[in-house]
């Protein structure tokens, strides 16, 4: 099964078709009960709305996918920036020895700073 759709694709298309079907069903229900049309006209309206919404989705599918890819990339960039360490170097002058302190602070919520000392002499 080389060209079989992936599980994610099946779930995505099921959600899209279910959403479009619910919208078309709401239009049918409104046509029959709110506007007083007969059942045949409501069923025809259901099919027409369903086909039009599927065509609208397929027409804008590339725009929707580009938008979702950009949103996921932006979310990943933000997560990457949260895990980037900040390096602070402090030089301490004393009469006996010069030390350089490195403080590494992670931007994440559950991280604690690590401190190390290096002698320059």
PDB file of N, CA and C in Angstrom:
ATOM      1  N   UNK A   1       0.840  -1.165   0.000  1.00  0.00           N
ATOM      2  CA  UNK A   1       0.000   0.000   0.000  1.00  0.00           C
ATOM      3  C   UNK A   1       0.894   1.239   0.000  1.00  0.00           C
ATOM      4  N   UNK A   2       1.468   1.489  -1.144  1.00  0.00           N
ATOM      5  CA  UNK A   2       2.444   2.566  -1.276  1.00  0.00           C
ATOM      6  C   UNK A   2       1.802   3.946  -1.189  1.00  0.00           C
ATOM      7  N   UNK A   3       0.656   4.139  -1.805  1.00  0.00           N
ATOM      8  CA  UNK A   3       0.029   5.459  -1.860  1.00  0.00           C
ATOM      9  C   UNK A   3      -1.142   5.601  -0.895  1.00  0.00           C
ATOM     10  N   UNK A   4      -1.166   4.807   0.149  1.00  0.00           N
ATOM     11  CA  UNK A   4      -2.259   4.874   1.110  1.00  0.00           C
ATOM     12  C   UNK A   4      -2.150   6.159   1.935  1.00  0.00           C
ATOM     13  N   UNK A   5      -3.274   6.794   2.244  1.00  0.00           N
ATOM     14  CA  UNK A   5      -3.212   8.016   3.049  1.00  0.00           C
ATOM     15  C   UNK A   5      -2.794   7.709   4.482  1.00  0.00           C
ATOM     16  N   UNK A   6      -2.126   8.646   5.083  1.00  0.00           N
ATOM     17  CA  UNK A   6      -1.682   8.448   6.461  1.00  0.00           C
ATOM     18  C   UNK A   6      -2.862   8.604   7.425  1.00  0.00           C
ATOM     19  N   UNK A   7      -2.635   8.220   8.648  1.00  0.00           N
ATOM     20  CA  UNK A   7      -3.669   8.309   9.663  1.00  0.00           C
ATOM     21  C   UNK A   7      -4.082   9.758   9.901  1.00  0.00           C
ATOM     22  N   UNK A   8      -3.099  10.680   9.911  1.00  0.00           N
ATOM     23  CA  UNK A   8      -3.398  12.098  10.113  1.00  0.00           C
ATOM     24  C   UNK A   8      -4.264  12.659   8.996  1.00  0.00           C
ATOM     25  N   UNK A   9      -4.000  12.230   7.770  1.00  0.00           N
ATOM     26  CA  UNK A   9      -4.786  12.694   6.629  1.00  0.00           C
ATOM     27  C   UNK A   9      -6.228  12.221   6.740  1.00  0.00           C
ATOM     28  N   UNK A  10      -6.408  10.992   7.163  1.00  0.00           N
ATOM     29  CA  UNK A  10      -7.758  10.441   7.310  1.00  0.00           C
ATOM     30  C   UNK A  10      -8.518  11.189   8.405  1.00  0.00           C
ATOM     31  N   UNK A  11      -7.850  11.461   9.521  1.00  0.00           N
ATOM     32  CA  UNK A  11      -8.496  12.198  10.620  1.00  0.00           C
ATOM     33  C   UNK A  11      -8.845  13.612  10.176  1.00  0.00           C
ATOM     34  N   UNK A  12      -7.926  14.272   9.468  1.00  0.00           N
ATOM     35  CA  UNK A  12      -8.168  15.640   9.007  1.00  0.00           C
ATOM     36  C   UNK A  12      -9.360  15.695   8.051  1.00  0.00           C
ATOM     37  N   UNK A  13      -9.385  14.810   7.064  1.00  0.00           N
ATOM     38  CA  UNK A  13     -10.493  14.820   6.100  1.00  0.00           C
ATOM     39  C   UNK A  13     -11.810  14.447   6.764  1.00  0.00           C
ATOM     40  N   UNK A  14     -11.776  13.546   7.738  1.00  0.00           N
ATOM     41  CA  UNK A  14     -13.008  13.204   8.458  1.00  0.00           C
ATOM     42  C   UNK A  14     -13.557  14.412   9.206  1.00  0.00           C
ATOM     43  N   UNK A  15     -12.665  15.176   9.837  1.00  0.00           N
ATOM     44  CA  UNK A  15     -13.100  16.373  10.566  1.00  0.00           C
ATOM     45  C   UNK A  15     -13.648  17.427   9.603  1.00  0.00           C
ATOM     46  N   UNK A  16     -13.006  17.608   8.460  1.00  0.00           N
ATOM     47  CA  UNK A  16     -13.473  18.600   7.481  1.00  0.00           C
ATOM     48  C   UNK A  16     -14.836  18.217   6.943  1.00  0.00           C
ATOM     49  N   UNK A  17     -15.000  16.966   6.546  1.00  0.00           N
ATOM     50  CA  UNK A  17     -16.275  16.510   5.987  1.00  0.00           C
ATOM     51  C   UNK A  17     -17.377  16.565   7.051  1.00  0.00           C
ATOM     52  N   UNK A  18     -17.042  16.210   8.297  1.00  0.00           N
ATOM     53  CA  UNK A  18     -18.049  16.273   9.367  1.00  0.00           C
ATOM     54  C   UNK A  18     -18.479  17.715   9.622  1.00  0.00           C
ATOM     55  N   UNK A  19     -17.533  18.642   9.634  1.00  0.00           N
ATOM     56  CA  UNK A  19     -17.875  20.049   9.840  1.00  0.00           C
ATOM     57  C   UNK A  19     -18.730  20.610   8.724  1.00  0.00           C
ATOM     58  N   UNK A  20     -18.367  20.302   7.499  1.00  0.00           N
ATOM     59  CA  UNK A  20     -19.145  20.775   6.349  1.00  0.00           C
ATOM     60  C   UNK A  20     -20.533  20.129   6.356  1.00  0.00           C
ATOM     61  N   UNK A  21     -20.596  18.849   6.701  1.00  0.00           N
ATOM     62  CA  UNK A  21     -21.887  18.172   6.779  1.00  0.00           C
ATOM     63  C   UNK A  21     -22.795  18.774   7.834  1.00  0.00           C
ATOM     64  N   UNK A  22     -22.218  19.141   8.979  1.00  0.00           N
ATOM     65  CA  UNK A  22     -23.026  19.777  10.027  1.00  0.00           C
ATOM     66  C   UNK A  22     -23.555  21.138   9.581  1.00  0.00           C
ATOM     67  N   UNK A  23     -22.722  21.922   8.902  1.00  0.00           N
ATOM     68  CA  UNK A  23     -23.187  23.218   8.400  1.00  0.00           C
ATOM     69  C   UNK A  23     -24.321  23.041   7.387  1.00  0.00           C
ATOM     70  N   UNK A  24     -24.166  22.085   6.476  1.00  0.00           N
ATOM     71  CA  UNK A  24     -25.214  21.847   5.487  1.00  0.00           C
ATOM     72  C   UNK A  24     -26.492  21.328   6.153  1.00  0.00           C
ATOM     73  N   UNK A  25     -26.331  20.522   7.195  1.00  0.00           N
ATOM     74  CA  UNK A  25     -27.497  20.018   7.918  1.00  0.00           C
ATOM     75  C   UNK A  25     -28.224  21.149   8.653  1.00  0.00           C
ATOM     76  N   UNK A  26     -27.467  22.096   9.208  1.00  0.00           N
ATOM     77  CA  UNK A  26     -28.093  23.250   9.850  1.00  0.00           C
ATOM     78  C   UNK A  26     -28.865  24.098   8.848  1.00  0.00           C
ATOM     79  N   UNK A  27     -28.320  24.250   7.636  1.00  0.00           N
ATOM     80  CA  UNK A  27     -29.030  25.007   6.590  1.00  0.00           C
ATOM     81  C   UNK A  27     -30.307  24.275   6.209  1.00  0.00           C
ATOM     82  N   UNK A  28     -30.241  22.951   6.077  1.00  0.00           N
ATOM     83  CA  UNK A  28     -31.438  22.165   5.746  1.00  0.00           C
ATOM     84  C   UNK A  28     -32.494  22.308   6.836  1.00  0.00           C
ATOM     85  N   UNK A  29     -32.053  22.201   8.094  1.00  0.00           N
ATOM     86  CA  UNK A  29     -32.979  22.323   9.222  1.00  0.00           C
ATOM     87  C   UNK A  29     -33.643  23.704   9.248  1.00  0.00           C
ATOM     88  N   UNK A  30     -32.849  24.745   9.009  1.00  0.00           N
ATOM     89  CA  UNK A  30     -33.409  26.102   8.990  1.00  0.00           C
ATOM     90  C   UNK A  30     -34.377  26.274   7.829  1.00  0.00           C
ATOM     91  N   UNK A  31     -34.060  25.682   6.669  1.00  0.00           N
ATOM     92  CA  UNK A  31     -34.944  25.817   5.510  1.00  0.00           C
ATOM     93  C   UNK A  31     -36.285  25.144   5.764  1.00  0.00           C
ATOM     94  N   UNK A  32     -36.268  23.990   6.406  1.00  0.00           N
ATOM     95  CA  UNK A  32     -37.516  23.258   6.626  1.00  0.00           C
ATOM     96  C   UNK A  32     -38.333  23.873   7.768  1.00  0.00           C
ATOM     97  N   UNK A  33     -37.702  24.101   8.907  1.00  0.00           N
ATOM     98  CA  UNK A  33     -38.460  24.509  10.093  1.00  0.00           C
ATOM     99  C   UNK A  33     -38.597  26.018  10.258  1.00  0.00           C
ATOM    100  N   UNK A  34     -37.608  26.775   9.827  1.00  0.00           N
ATOM    101  CA  UNK A  34     -37.681  28.231   9.994  1.00  0.00           C
ATOM    102  C   UNK A  34     -38.427  28.890   8.826  1.00  0.00           C
ATOM    103  N   UNK A  35     -38.114  28.450   7.602  1.00  0.00           N
ATOM    104  CA  UNK A  35     -38.705  29.082   6.424  1.00  0.00           C
ATOM    105  C   UNK A  35     -39.889  28.308   5.860  1.00  0.00           C
ATOM    106  N   UNK A  36     -40.190  27.126   6.390  1.00  0.00           N
ATOM    107  CA  UNK A  36     -41.391  26.385   6.021  1.00  0.00           C
ATOM    108  C   UNK A  36     -41.362  25.711   4.664  1.00  0.00           C
ATOM    109  N   UNK A  37     -40.202  25.346   4.137  1.00  0.00           N
ATOM    110  CA  UNK A  37     -40.151  24.622   2.856  1.00  0.00           C
ATOM    111  C   UNK A  37     -40.430  23.142   3.097  1.00  0.00           C
ATOM    112  N   UNK A  38     -40.657  22.415   2.005  1.00  0.00           N
ATOM    113  CA  UNK A  38     -40.899  20.981   2.142  1.00  0.00           C
ATOM    114  C   UNK A  38     -39.580  20.223   2.300  1.00  0.00           C
ATOM    115  N   UNK A  39     -39.673  18.920   2.587  1.00  0.00           N
ATOM    116  CA  UNK A  39     -38.483  18.103   2.852  1.00  0.00           C
ATOM    117  C   UNK A  39     -37.618  17.946   1.606  1.00  0.00           C
ATOM    118  N   UNK A  40     -38.233  17.837   0.422  1.00  0.00           N
ATOM    119  CA  UNK A  40     -37.455  17.674  -0.808  1.00  0.00           C
ATOM    120  C   UNK A  40     -36.581  18.903  -1.052  1.00  0.00           C
ATOM    121  N   UNK A  41     -37.131  20.098  -0.881  1.00  0.00           N
ATOM    122  CA  UNK A  41     -36.353  21.318  -1.079  1.00  0.00           C
ATOM    123  C   UNK A  41     -35.238  21.415  -0.039  1.00  0.00           C
ATOM    124  N   UNK A  42     -35.524  20.989   1.185  1.00  0.00           N
ATOM    125  CA  UNK A  42     -34.488  20.971   2.222  1.00  0.00           C
ATOM    126  C   UNK A  42     -33.357  20.014   1.888  1.00  0.00           C
ATOM    127  N   UNK A  43     -33.699  18.849   1.343  1.00  0.00           N
ATOM    128  CA  UNK A  43     -32.665  17.881   0.953  1.00  0.00           C
ATOM    129  C   UNK A  43     -31.835  18.385  -0.216  1.00  0.00           C
ATOM    130  N   UNK A  44     -32.484  19.024  -1.195  1.00  0.00           N
ATOM    131  CA  UNK A  44     -31.750  19.598  -2.335  1.00  0.00           C
ATOM    132  C   UNK A  44     -30.816  20.702  -1.842  1.00  0.00           C
ATOM    133  N   UNK A  45     -31.318  21.523  -0.936  1.00  0.00           N
ATOM    134  CA  UNK A  45     -30.500  22.590  -0.367  1.00  0.00           C
ATOM    135  C   UNK A  45     -29.307  22.019   0.400  1.00  0.00           C
ATOM    136  N   UNK A  46     -29.515  20.908   1.118  1.00  0.00           N
ATOM    137  CA  UNK A  46     -28.418  20.233   1.830  1.00  0.00           C
ATOM    138  C   UNK A  46     -27.321  19.808   0.864  1.00  0.00           C
ATOM    139  N   UNK A  47     -27.698  19.165  -0.231  1.00  0.00           N
ATOM    140  CA  UNK A  47     -26.712  18.684  -1.208  1.00  0.00           C
ATOM    141  C   UNK A  47     -25.979  19.849  -1.859  1.00  0.00           C
ATOM    142  N   UNK A  48     -26.711  20.894  -2.228  1.00  0.00           N
ATOM    143  CA  UNK A  48     -26.089  22.048  -2.894  1.00  0.00           C
ATOM    144  C   UNK A  48     -25.106  22.745  -1.949  1.00  0.00           C
ATOM    145  N   UNK A  49     -25.513  22.984  -0.712  1.00  0.00           N
ATOM    146  CA  UNK A  49     -24.633  23.643   0.258  1.00  0.00           C
ATOM    147  C   UNK A  49     -23.412  22.777   0.541  1.00  0.00           C
ATOM    148  N   UNK A  50     -23.616  21.461   0.670  1.00  0.00           N
ATOM    149  CA  UNK A  50     -22.497  20.552   0.922  1.00  0.00           C
ATOM    150  C   UNK A  50     -21.476  20.614  -0.207  1.00  0.00           C
ATOM    151  N   UNK A  51     -21.948  20.550  -1.447  1.00  0.00           N
ATOM    152  CA  UNK A  51     -21.039  20.592  -2.605  1.00  0.00           C
ATOM    153  C   UNK A  51     -20.332  21.943  -2.692  1.00  0.00           C
ATOM    154  N   UNK A  52     -21.055  23.030  -2.453  1.00  0.00           N
ATOM    155  CA  UNK A  52     -20.429  24.351  -2.508  1.00  0.00           C
ATOM    156  C   UNK A  52     -19.367  24.526  -1.420  1.00  0.00           C
ATOM    157  N   UNK A  53     -19.637  24.048  -0.204  1.00  0.00           N
ATOM    158  CA  UNK A  53     -18.652  24.186   0.873  1.00  0.00           C
ATOM    159  C   UNK A  53     -17.428  23.306   0.647  1.00  0.00           C
ATOM    160  N   UNK A  54     -17.617  22.104   0.103  1.00  0.00           N
ATOM    161  CA  UNK A  54     -16.460  21.258  -0.228  1.00  0.00           C
ATOM    162  C   UNK A  54     -15.624  21.929  -1.313  1.00  0.00           C
ATOM    163  N   UNK A  55     -16.283  22.499  -2.321  1.00  0.00           N
ATOM    164  CA  UNK A  55     -15.544  23.215  -3.369  1.00  0.00           C
ATOM    165  C   UNK A  55     -14.820  24.431  -2.829  1.00  0.00           C
ATOM    166  N   UNK A  56     -15.439  25.137  -1.903  1.00  0.00           N
ATOM    167  CA  UNK A  56     -14.793  26.292  -1.290  1.00  0.00           C
ATOM    168  C   UNK A  56     -13.573  25.866  -0.485  1.00  0.00           C
ATOM    169  N   UNK A  57     -13.696  24.765   0.253  1.00  0.00           N
ATOM    170  CA  UNK A  57     -12.546  24.267   1.023  1.00  0.00           C
ATOM    171  C   UNK A  57     -11.412  23.848   0.093  1.00  0.00           C
ATOM    172  N   UNK A  58     -11.748  23.109  -0.958  1.00  0.00           N
ATOM    173  CA  UNK A  58     -10.707  22.658  -1.880  1.00  0.00           C
ATOM    174  C   UNK A  58     -10.057  23.834  -2.611  1.00  0.00           C
ATOM    175  N   UNK A  59     -10.842  24.865  -2.893  1.00  0.00           N
ATOM    176  CA  UNK A  59     -10.294  26.039  -3.563  1.00  0.00           C
ATOM    177  C   UNK A  59      -9.306  26.797  -2.692  1.00  0.00           C
ATOM    178  N   UNK A  60      -9.573  26.836  -1.394  1.00  0.00           N
ATOM    179  CA  UNK A  60      -8.701  27.562  -0.481  1.00  0.00           C
ATOM    180  C   UNK A  60      -7.793  26.637   0.327  1.00  0.00           C
ATOM    181  N   UNK A  61      -7.675  25.382  -0.076  1.00  0.00           N
ATOM    182  CA  UNK A  61      -6.897  24.415   0.688  1.00  0.00           C
ATOM    183  C   UNK A  61      -5.427  24.800   0.771  1.00  0.00           C
ATOM    184  N   UNK A  62      -4.838  25.277  -0.310  1.00  0.00           N
ATOM    185  CA  UNK A  62      -3.423  25.645  -0.274  1.00  0.00           C
ATOM    186  C   UNK A  62      -3.192  26.832   0.658  1.00  0.00           C
ATOM    187  N   UNK A  63      -4.128  27.783   0.666  1.00  0.00           N
ATOM    188  CA  UNK A  63      -4.004  28.932   1.569  1.00  0.00           C
ATOM    189  C   UNK A  63      -4.124  28.477   3.022  1.00  0.00           C
ATOM    190  N   UNK A  64      -5.063  27.587   3.300  1.00  0.00           N
ATOM    191  CA  UNK A  64      -5.277  27.084   4.655  1.00  0.00           C
ATOM    192  C   UNK A  64      -4.056  26.298   5.125  1.00  0.00           C
ATOM    193  N   UNK A  65      -3.491  25.455   4.250  1.00  0.00           N
ATOM    194  CA  UNK A  65      -2.315  24.673   4.628  1.00  0.00           C
ATOM    195  C   UNK A  65      -1.108  25.571   4.850  1.00  0.00           C
ATOM    196  N   UNK A  66      -0.895  26.581   4.001  1.00  0.00           N
ATOM    197  CA  UNK A  66       0.215  27.514   4.203  1.00  0.00           C
ATOM    198  C   UNK A  66       0.070  28.259   5.521  1.00  0.00           C
ATOM    199  N   UNK A  67      -1.147  28.658   5.831  1.00  0.00           N
ATOM    200  CA  UNK A  67      -1.395  29.363   7.086  1.00  0.00           C
ATOM    201  C   UNK A  67      -1.108  28.464   8.280  1.00  0.00           C
ATOM    202  N   UNK A  68      -1.550  27.202   8.221  1.00  0.00           N
ATOM    203  CA  UNK A  68      -1.319  26.294   9.341  1.00  0.00           C
ATOM    204  C   UNK A  68       0.158  25.937   9.469  1.00  0.00           C
ATOM    205  N   UNK A  69       0.882  25.797   8.339  1.00  0.00           N
ATOM    206  CA  UNK A  69       2.317  25.506   8.393  1.00  0.00           C
ATOM    207  C   UNK A  69       3.067  26.680   9.013  1.00  0.00           C
ATOM    208  N   UNK A  70       2.689  27.908   8.642  1.00  0.00           N
ATOM    209  CA  UNK A  70       3.340  29.083   9.214  1.00  0.00           C
ATOM    210  C   UNK A  70       3.063  29.205  10.708  1.00  0.00           C
ATOM    211  N   UNK A  71       1.850  28.868  11.126  1.00  0.00           N
ATOM    212  CA  UNK A  71       1.522  28.942  12.550  1.00  0.00           C
ATOM    213  C   UNK A  71       2.310  27.906  13.351  1.00  0.00           C
ATOM    214  N   UNK A  72       2.467  26.699  12.804  1.00  0.00           N
ATOM    215  CA  UNK A  72       3.238  25.663  13.489  1.00  0.00           C
ATOM    216  C   UNK A  72       4.709  26.055  13.546  1.00  0.00           C
ATOM    217  N   UNK A  73       5.245  26.620  12.456  1.00  0.00           N
ATOM    218  CA  UNK A  73       6.648  27.049  12.445  1.00  0.00           C
ATOM    219  C   UNK A  73       6.872  28.169  13.454  1.00  0.00           C
ATOM    220  N   UNK A  74       5.929  29.100  13.550  1.00  0.00           N
ATOM    221  CA  UNK A  74       6.046  30.182  14.519  1.00  0.00           C
ATOM    222  C   UNK A  74       6.005  29.636  15.941  1.00  0.00           C
ATOM    223  N   UNK A  75       5.142  28.660  16.181  1.00  0.00           N
ATOM    224  CA  UNK A  75       5.049  28.052  17.502  1.00  0.00           C
ATOM    225  C   UNK A  75       6.351  27.333  17.856  1.00  0.00           C
ATOM    226  N   UNK A  76       6.958  26.632  16.894  1.00  0.00           N
ATOM    227  CA  UNK A  76       8.221  25.938  17.141  1.00  0.00           C
ATOM    228  C   UNK A  76       9.350  26.929  17.385  1.00  0.00           C
ATOM    229  N   UNK A  77       9.356  28.074  16.684  1.00  0.00           N
ATOM    230  CA  UNK A  77      10.378  29.094  16.905  1.00  0.00           C
ATOM    231  C   UNK A  77      10.280  29.651  18.308  1.00  0.00           C
ATOM    232  N   UNK A  78       9.072  29.886  18.787  1.00  0.00           N
ATOM    233  CA  UNK A  78       8.888  30.408  20.137  1.00  0.00           C
ATOM    234  C   UNK A  78       9.377  29.390  21.163  1.00  0.00           C
ATOM    235  N   UNK A  79       9.078  28.121  20.945  1.00  0.00           N
ATOM    236  CA  UNK A  79       9.548  27.089  21.865  1.00  0.00           C
ATOM    237  C   UNK A  79      11.065  26.988  21.850  1.00  0.00           C
ATOM    238  N   UNK A  80      11.691  27.156  20.680  1.00  0.00           N
ATOM    239  CA  UNK A  80      13.135  27.091  20.585  1.00  0.00           C
ATOM    240  C   UNK A  80      13.778  28.246  21.344  1.00  0.00           C
ATOM    241  N   UNK A  81      13.180  29.433  21.251  1.00  0.00           N
ATOM    242  CA  UNK A  81      13.721  30.580  21.953  1.00  0.00           C
ATOM    243  C   UNK A  81      13.602  30.410  23.460  1.00  0.00           C
ATOM    244  N   UNK A  82      12.577  29.704  23.935  1.00  0.00           N
ATOM    245  CA  UNK A  82      12.425  29.478  25.365  1.00  0.00           C
ATOM    246  C   UNK A  82      13.536  28.609  25.919  1.00  0.00           C
ATOM    247  N   UNK A  83      14.064  27.697  25.113  1.00  0.00           N
ATOM    248  CA  UNK A  83      15.091  26.774  25.585  1.00  0.00           C
ATOM    249  C   UNK A  83      16.508  27.238  25.269  1.00  0.00           C
ATOM    250  N   UNK A  84      16.674  28.429  24.751  1.00  0.00           N
ATOM    251  CA  UNK A  84      18.000  28.948  24.445  1.00  0.00           C
ATOM    252  C   UNK A  84      18.609  29.519  25.722  1.00  0.00           C
ATOM    253  N   UNK A  85      19.807  29.064  26.108  1.00  0.00           N
ATOM    254  CA  UNK A  85      20.400  29.590  27.338  1.00  0.00           C
ATOM    255  C   UNK A  85      20.915  31.014  27.156  1.00  0.00           C
ATOM    256  N   UNK A  86      20.869  31.759  28.230  1.00  0.00           N
ATOM    257  CA  UNK A  86      21.425  33.105  28.258  1.00  0.00           C
ATOM    258  C   UNK A  86      22.738  33.011  29.017  1.00  0.00           C
ATOM    259  N   UNK A  87      23.826  33.505  28.445  1.00  0.00           N
ATOM    260  CA  UNK A  87      25.137  33.426  29.067  1.00  0.00           C
ATOM    261  C   UNK A  87      25.516  34.801  29.594  1.00  0.00           C
ATOM    262  N   UNK A  88      25.804  34.863  30.889  1.00  0.00           N
ATOM    263  CA  UNK A  88      26.226  36.107  31.522  1.00  0.00           C
ATOM    264  C   UNK A  88      27.621  35.868  32.079  1.00  0.00           C
ATOM    265  N   UNK A  89      28.573  36.710  31.701  1.00  0.00           N
ATOM    266  CA  UNK A  89      29.943  36.587  32.205  1.00  0.00           C
ATOM    267  C   UNK A  89      30.219  37.773  33.115  1.00  0.00           C
ATOM    268  N   UNK A  90      30.627  37.491  34.343  1.00  0.00           N
ATOM    269  CA  UNK A  90      30.931  38.521  35.325  1.00  0.00           C
ATOM    270  C   UNK A  90      32.403  38.383  35.698  1.00  0.00           C
ATOM    271  N   UNK A  91      33.153  39.452  35.579  1.00  0.00           N
ATOM    272  CA  UNK A  91      34.553  39.446  36.006  1.00  0.00           C
ATOM    273  C   UNK A  91      34.646  40.085  37.383  1.00  0.00           C
ATOM    274  N   UNK A  92      35.320  39.397  38.299  1.00  0.00           N
ATOM    275  CA  UNK A  92      35.484  39.884  39.660  1.00  0.00           C
ATOM    276  C   UNK A  92      36.964  40.165  39.888  1.00  0.00           C
ATOM    277  N   UNK A  93      37.311  41.398  40.212  1.00  0.00           N
ATOM    278  CA  UNK A  93      38.691  41.757  40.510  1.00  0.00           C
ATOM    279  C   UNK A  93      38.918  41.680  42.007  1.00  0.00           C
ATOM    280  N   UNK A  94      39.967  41.004  42.398  1.00  0.00           N
ATOM    281  CA  UNK A  94      40.353  40.959  43.799  1.00  0.00           C
ATOM    282  C   UNK A  94      41.862  41.119  43.890  1.00  0.00           C
ATOM    283  N   UNK A  95      42.388  41.345  45.071  1.00  0.00           N
ATOM    284  CA  UNK A  95      43.828  41.552  45.224  1.00  0.00           C
ATOM    285  C   UNK A  95      44.600  40.267  45.031  1.00  0.00           C
ATOM    286  N   UNK A  96      43.997  39.131  45.354  1.00  0.00           N
ATOM    287  CA  UNK A  96      44.739  37.882  45.299  1.00  0.00           C
ATOM    288  C   UNK A  96      44.535  37.126  43.985  1.00  0.00           C
ATOM    289  N   UNK A  97      43.329  37.186  43.438  1.00  0.00           N
ATOM    290  CA  UNK A  97      43.040  36.342  42.285  1.00  0.00           C
ATOM    291  C   UNK A  97      41.937  36.956  41.440  1.00  0.00           C
ATOM    292  N   UNK A  98      41.992  36.714  40.187  1.00  0.00           N
ATOM    293  CA  UNK A  98      40.931  37.197  39.314  1.00  0.00           C
ATOM    294  C   UNK A  98      40.085  35.991  38.889  1.00  0.00           C
ATOM    295  N   UNK A  99      38.810  36.103  39.099  1.00  0.00           N
ATOM    296  CA  UNK A  99      37.891  35.018  38.742  1.00  0.00           C
ATOM    297  C   UNK A  99      36.945  35.489  37.647  1.00  0.00           C
ATOM    298  N   UNK A 100      36.538  34.558  36.860  1.00  0.00           N
ATOM    299  CA  UNK A 100      35.497  34.832  35.877  1.00  0.00           C
ATOM    300  C   UNK A 100      34.339  33.889  36.170  1.00  0.00           C
ATOM    301  N   UNK A 101      33.189  34.435  36.406  1.00  0.00           N
ATOM    302  CA  UNK A 101      32.011  33.651  36.732  1.00  0.00           C
ATOM    303  C   UNK A 101      31.143  33.528  35.488  1.00  0.00           C
ATOM    304  N   UNK A 102      30.665  32.330  35.247  1.00  0.00           N
ATOM    305  CA  UNK A 102      29.725  32.100  34.159  1.00  0.00           C
ATOM    306  C   UNK A 102      28.398  31.694  34.766  1.00  0.00           C
ATOM    307  N   UNK A 103      27.368  32.413  34.426  1.00  0.00           N
ATOM    308  CA  UNK A 103      26.031  32.075  34.909  1.00  0.00           C
ATOM    309  C   UNK A 103      25.189  31.731  33.685  1.00  0.00           C
ATOM    310  N   UNK A 104      24.699  30.536  33.662  1.00  0.00           N
ATOM    311  CA  UNK A 104      23.899  30.076  32.533  1.00  0.00           C
ATOM    312  C   UNK A 104      22.459  29.938  33.008  1.00  0.00           C
ATOM    313  N   UNK A 105      21.571  30.717  32.429  1.00  0.00           N
ATOM    314  CA  UNK A 105      20.166  30.732  32.835  1.00  0.00           C
ATOM    315  C   UNK A 105      19.322  30.272  31.648  1.00  0.00           C
ATOM    316  N   UNK A 106      18.493  29.271  31.898  1.00  0.00           N
ATOM    317  CA  UNK A 106      17.576  28.818  30.859  1.00  0.00           C
ATOM    318  C   UNK A 106      16.277  29.596  31.003  1.00  0.00           C
ATOM    319  N   UNK A 107      15.646  29.895  29.885  1.00  0.00           N
ATOM    320  CA  UNK A 107      14.413  30.653  29.910  1.00  0.00           C
ATOM    321  C   UNK A 107      13.192  29.820  30.272  1.00  0.00           C
ATOM    322  N   UNK A 108      13.343  28.523  30.366  1.00  0.00           N
ATOM    323  CA  UNK A 108      12.207  27.665  30.645  1.00  0.00           C
ATOM    324  C   UNK A 108      11.692  27.847  32.064  1.00  0.00           C
ATOM    325  N   UNK A 109      10.535  27.283  32.337  1.00  0.00           N
ATOM    326  CA  UNK A 109       9.885  27.473  33.622  1.00  0.00           C
ATOM    327  C   UNK A 109      10.548  26.630  34.721  1.00  0.00           C
ATOM    328  N   UNK A 110      10.993  25.419  34.400  1.00  0.00           N
ATOM    329  CA  UNK A 110      11.479  24.500  35.421  1.00  0.00           C
ATOM    330  C   UNK A 110      12.997  24.406  35.453  1.00  0.00           C
ATOM    331  N   UNK A 111      13.696  25.450  35.110  1.00  0.00           N
ATOM    332  CA  UNK A 111      15.143  25.374  35.075  1.00  0.00           C
ATOM    333  C   UNK A 111      15.731  26.252  36.167  1.00  0.00           C
ATOM    334  N   UNK A 112      16.857  25.824  36.675  1.00  0.00           N
ATOM    335  CA  UNK A 112      17.563  26.610  37.674  1.00  0.00           C
ATOM    336  C   UNK A 112      18.901  27.037  37.084  1.00  0.00           C
ATOM    337  N   UNK A 113      19.426  28.197  37.475  1.00  0.00           N
ATOM    338  CA  UNK A 113      20.688  28.659  36.889  1.00  0.00           C
ATOM    339  C   UNK A 113      21.856  27.826  37.362  1.00  0.00           C
ATOM    340  N   UNK A 114      22.824  27.634  36.487  1.00  0.00           N
ATOM    341  CA  UNK A 114      24.042  26.941  36.852  1.00  0.00           C
ATOM    342  C   UNK A 114      25.176  27.968  36.886  1.00  0.00           C
ATOM    343  N   UNK A 115      26.007  27.884  37.922  1.00  0.00           N
ATOM    344  CA  UNK A 115      27.088  28.853  38.115  1.00  0.00           C
ATOM    345  C   UNK A 115      28.403  28.094  38.159  1.00  0.00           C
ATOM    346  N   UNK A 116      29.386  28.555  37.423  1.00  0.00           N
ATOM    347  CA  UNK A 116      30.709  27.938  37.477  1.00  0.00           C
ATOM    348  C   UNK A 116      31.763  29.037  37.565  1.00  0.00           C
ATOM    349  N   UNK A 117      32.931  28.719  38.174  1.00  0.00           N
ATOM    350  CA  UNK A 117      33.993  29.688  38.343  1.00  0.00           C
ATOM    351  C   UNK A 117      35.248  29.186  37.631  1.00  0.00           C
ATOM    352  N   UNK A 118      35.896  30.075  36.891  1.00  0.00           N
ATOM    353  CA  UNK A 118      37.133  29.724  36.212  1.00  0.00           C
ATOM    354  C   UNK A 118      38.207  30.720  36.614  1.00  0.00           C
ATOM    355  N   UNK A 119      39.369  30.224  36.947  1.00  0.00           N
ATOM    356  CA  UNK A 119      40.481  31.099  37.279  1.00  0.00           C
ATOM    357  C   UNK A 119      41.150  31.602  36.021  1.00  0.00           C
ATOM    358  N   UNK A 120      41.456  32.858  35.981  1.00  0.00           N
ATOM    359  CA  UNK A 120      42.147  33.425  34.826  1.00  0.00           C
ATOM    360  C   UNK A 120      43.652  33.393  34.991  1.00  0.00           C
ATOM    361  N   UNK A 121      44.141  33.184  36.174  1.00  0.00           N
ATOM    362  CA  UNK A 121      45.608  33.189  36.421  1.00  0.00           C
ATOM    363  C   UNK A 121      46.168  31.817  36.246  1.00  0.00           C
TER     364      UNK A 121
END
